[in-house]
């Protein structure tokens, strides 16, 4: 259902009424390099940096290695697979929909791909939400709020930096959540 919702939202963002709402929210939430608090800009850039590029894969590799070391080898492979496959799915959808990035406000981050869905939001949801289920149960009450907050902050930072519309981020969260759920179905029952 989440995958179908992403596809439907991809078509919906082409409707003028959705585009207008997206642009209004984009204007409301995007930071301004001249007038926004420097600490807020630095935080948005740091959260966004963690969620993209090579550093994203380094973080996933370290998490997978930790799971492997804890003798949770199947979980380590599932986490790595969810990260790779969700990223590839996001990239395929980006080029299938070819939605231009917002261009009405200056971007505060470098981008070189289409906008829909957000790859950062996809990756954050796939990795962090799956990790909640993969960690030992006694850790979940402490880790779950932090991992959910990281997922939300990653997506919101992309809007704040002016490189995504809100619907791009929502679609990324849904796509990543779908991959987290799919990956969880491959985890051996002993891990639950």
Protein backbone atom coordinates (compact mmCIF):
# COMPACT_ATOMS: atom_id res chain seq x y z
CA UNK A 1 0.00 0.00 0.00
CA UNK A 2 2.86 2.38 0.76
CA UNK A 3 4.39 1.78 -2.68
CA UNK A 4 1.02 2.41 -4.34
CA UNK A 5 0.68 5.62 -2.30
CA UNK A 6 4.10 6.80 -3.52
CA UNK A 7 3.13 6.16 -7.15
CA UNK A 8 -0.23 7.92 -6.67
CA UNK A 9 1.43 10.89 -4.98
CA UNK A 10 3.89 11.07 -7.88
CA UNK A 11 0.99 11.66 -10.24
CA UNK A 12 -0.84 13.93 -7.79
CA UNK A 13 2.08 16.37 -7.57
CA UNK A 14 1.48 17.17 -11.24
CA UNK A 15 -1.97 18.61 -10.42
CA UNK A 16 -2.04 22.43 -10.16
CA UNK A 17 -3.80 22.41 -6.76
CA UNK A 18 -1.19 20.09 -5.23
CA UNK A 19 1.63 22.08 -6.83
CA UNK A 20 0.27 25.33 -5.36
CA UNK A 21 -0.01 23.83 -1.87
CA UNK A 22 3.49 22.34 -2.19
CA UNK A 23 4.94 25.70 -3.23
CA UNK A 24 3.20 27.53 -0.39
CA UNK A 25 4.54 25.07 2.20
CA UNK A 26 7.97 25.17 0.56
CA UNK A 27 8.04 28.98 0.94
CA UNK A 28 6.91 28.73 4.54
CA UNK A 29 9.51 26.12 5.63
CA UNK A 30 12.60 26.95 3.55
CA UNK A 31 15.39 28.70 5.42
CA UNK A 32 17.00 31.87 4.13
CA UNK A 33 20.79 32.12 4.22
CA UNK A 34 20.56 35.84 4.97
CA UNK A 35 17.91 35.88 7.69
CA UNK A 36 17.66 32.44 9.30
CA UNK A 37 19.54 31.77 12.55
CA UNK A 38 23.02 30.42 11.73
CA UNK A 39 22.61 27.57 14.23
CA UNK A 40 19.42 26.44 12.49
CA UNK A 41 21.13 26.53 9.10
CA UNK A 42 24.11 24.59 10.44
CA UNK A 43 21.83 21.98 12.03
CA UNK A 44 19.82 21.48 8.82
CA UNK A 45 23.01 21.14 6.77
CA UNK A 46 24.53 18.67 9.24
CA UNK A 47 21.43 16.46 9.37
CA UNK A 48 21.16 16.55 5.59
CA UNK A 49 24.87 15.74 5.18
CA UNK A 50 24.53 12.65 7.39
CA UNK A 51 21.61 11.41 5.29
CA UNK A 52 23.23 11.56 1.87
CA UNK A 53 26.25 10.75 -0.21
CA UNK A 54 29.04 8.37 0.74
CA UNK A 55 28.61 9.12 4.45
CA UNK A 56 25.14 7.51 4.33
CA UNK A 57 26.71 4.25 3.14
CA UNK A 58 29.50 4.46 5.71
CA UNK A 59 26.90 4.77 8.47
CA UNK A 60 24.93 1.81 7.10
CA UNK A 61 28.12 -0.25 6.77
CA UNK A 62 29.05 0.51 10.39
CA UNK A 63 25.56 -0.40 11.61
CA UNK A 64 25.60 -3.62 9.58
CA UNK A 65 29.05 -4.49 10.93
CA UNK A 66 27.82 -3.93 14.48
CA UNK A 67 24.87 -6.25 13.86
CA UNK A 68 27.23 -8.81 12.29
CA UNK A 69 29.50 -8.61 15.32
CA UNK A 70 26.51 -9.19 17.61
CA UNK A 71 25.97 -12.42 15.65
CA UNK A 72 22.92 -11.04 13.92
CA UNK A 73 24.22 -11.77 10.45
CA UNK A 74 20.85 -12.07 8.71
CA UNK A 75 19.83 -8.72 10.18
CA UNK A 76 23.08 -7.12 9.00
CA UNK A 77 22.47 -8.31 5.44
CA UNK A 78 18.84 -7.20 5.54
CA UNK A 79 19.83 -3.71 6.72
CA UNK A 80 22.46 -3.34 4.00
CA UNK A 81 20.05 -4.66 1.38
CA UNK A 82 17.24 -2.34 2.44
CA UNK A 83 19.59 0.62 2.20
CA UNK A 84 20.85 -0.25 -1.27
CA UNK A 85 17.51 -1.28 -2.77
CA UNK A 86 15.55 1.67 -1.33
CA UNK A 87 18.16 4.07 -2.70
CA UNK A 88 17.95 2.45 -6.14
CA UNK A 89 14.14 2.57 -6.08
CA UNK A 90 14.25 6.25 -5.14
CA UNK A 91 16.63 7.00 -8.00
CA UNK A 92 14.47 5.12 -10.51
CA UNK A 93 11.36 7.02 -9.40
CA UNK A 94 13.22 10.33 -9.55
CA UNK A 95 14.00 9.81 -13.22
CA UNK A 96 10.59 8.29 -14.01
CA UNK A 97 8.74 11.34 -12.65
CA UNK A 98 11.50 13.84 -13.54
CA UNK A 99 10.02 16.48 -11.24
CA UNK A 100 12.16 19.62 -11.24
CA UNK A 101 13.60 20.83 -7.97
CA UNK A 102 12.11 23.92 -6.39
CA UNK A 103 13.80 26.89 -8.03
CA UNK A 104 11.96 29.87 -6.57
CA UNK A 105 14.31 30.16 -3.57
CA UNK A 106 18.09 29.67 -3.48
CA UNK A 107 19.19 26.11 -2.69
CA UNK A 108 21.31 25.78 0.43
CA UNK A 109 22.69 22.41 -0.66
CA UNK A 110 24.08 21.02 -3.91
CA UNK A 111 21.71 18.84 -5.94
CA UNK A 112 22.00 17.20 -9.33
CA UNK A 113 18.97 14.93 -9.68
CA UNK A 114 15.20 15.33 -10.01
CA UNK A 115 13.15 16.08 -6.92
CA UNK A 116 10.51 13.34 -6.41
CA UNK A 117 10.90 11.41 -4.10
CA UNK A 118 13.53 12.62 -1.65
CA UNK A 119 16.40 10.15 -1.57
CA UNK A 120 17.51 11.42 1.84
CA UNK A 121 14.03 10.86 3.32
CA UNK A 122 13.80 7.43 1.65
CA UNK A 123 17.14 6.30 3.02
CA UNK A 124 16.48 7.64 6.52
CA UNK A 125 13.13 5.88 6.77
CA UNK A 126 14.44 2.60 5.34
CA UNK A 127 17.50 2.44 7.58
CA UNK A 128 16.41 4.06 10.84
CA UNK A 129 12.93 2.53 11.01
CA UNK A 130 14.27 -0.93 10.18
CA UNK A 131 17.00 -0.48 12.77
CA UNK A 132 14.34 0.02 15.46
CA UNK A 133 13.15 -3.54 14.84
CA UNK A 134 16.64 -4.99 14.46
CA UNK A 135 18.04 -3.73 17.75
CA UNK A 136 17.58 -5.84 20.87
CA UNK A 137 14.10 -5.32 22.39
CA UNK A 138 15.50 -3.79 25.59
CA UNK A 139 17.11 -1.00 23.52
CA UNK A 140 13.96 -0.08 21.59
CA UNK A 141 12.37 2.21 24.17
CA UNK A 142 15.49 4.37 24.12
CA UNK A 143 16.46 4.07 20.46
CA UNK A 144 13.03 4.30 18.83
CA UNK A 145 12.35 7.98 19.68
CA UNK A 146 15.86 8.96 18.55
CA UNK A 147 15.64 7.00 15.28
CA UNK A 148 12.18 8.35 14.47
CA UNK A 149 13.43 11.88 15.21
CA UNK A 150 16.41 11.33 12.88
CA UNK A 151 14.06 10.12 10.15
CA UNK A 152 11.84 13.18 10.50
CA UNK A 153 14.75 15.62 10.84
CA UNK A 154 16.43 14.28 7.71
CA UNK A 155 13.35 14.88 5.58
CA UNK A 156 12.56 18.26 7.11
CA UNK A 157 16.14 19.41 6.57
CA UNK A 158 15.73 18.85 2.83
CA UNK A 159 12.75 21.20 2.77
CA UNK A 160 14.57 23.74 4.95
CA UNK A 161 17.52 23.74 2.56
CA UNK A 162 15.19 24.52 -0.33
CA UNK A 163 15.96 21.40 -2.37
CA UNK A 164 12.67 19.51 -1.94
CA UNK A 165 8.97 20.14 -1.81
CA UNK A 166 7.10 18.68 1.19
CA UNK A 167 5.45 16.03 -1.00
CA UNK A 168 8.91 14.84 -2.12
CA UNK A 169 9.79 14.22 1.51
CA UNK A 170 6.48 12.54 2.37
CA UNK A 171 6.91 10.23 -0.63
CA UNK A 172 10.47 9.46 0.50
CA UNK A 173 9.29 8.59 4.00
CA UNK A 174 6.59 6.31 2.57
CA UNK A 175 9.00 4.64 0.15
CA UNK A 176 11.62 4.09 2.85
CA UNK A 177 8.99 2.76 5.25
CA UNK A 178 7.84 0.30 2.60
CA UNK A 179 11.40 -0.99 2.23
CA UNK A 180 11.82 -1.19 6.01
CA UNK A 181 8.66 -3.30 6.28
CA UNK A 182 9.67 -5.46 3.32
CA UNK A 183 13.15 -5.99 4.75
CA UNK A 184 11.70 -6.84 8.17
CA UNK A 185 9.75 -9.67 6.54
CA UNK A 186 13.09 -11.29 5.61
CA UNK A 187 14.43 -11.26 9.18
CA UNK A 188 14.36 -14.73 10.76
CA UNK A 189 11.63 -15.15 13.38
CA UNK A 190 14.23 -15.82 16.08
CA UNK A 191 15.19 -12.10 15.89
CA UNK A 192 11.78 -10.90 17.00
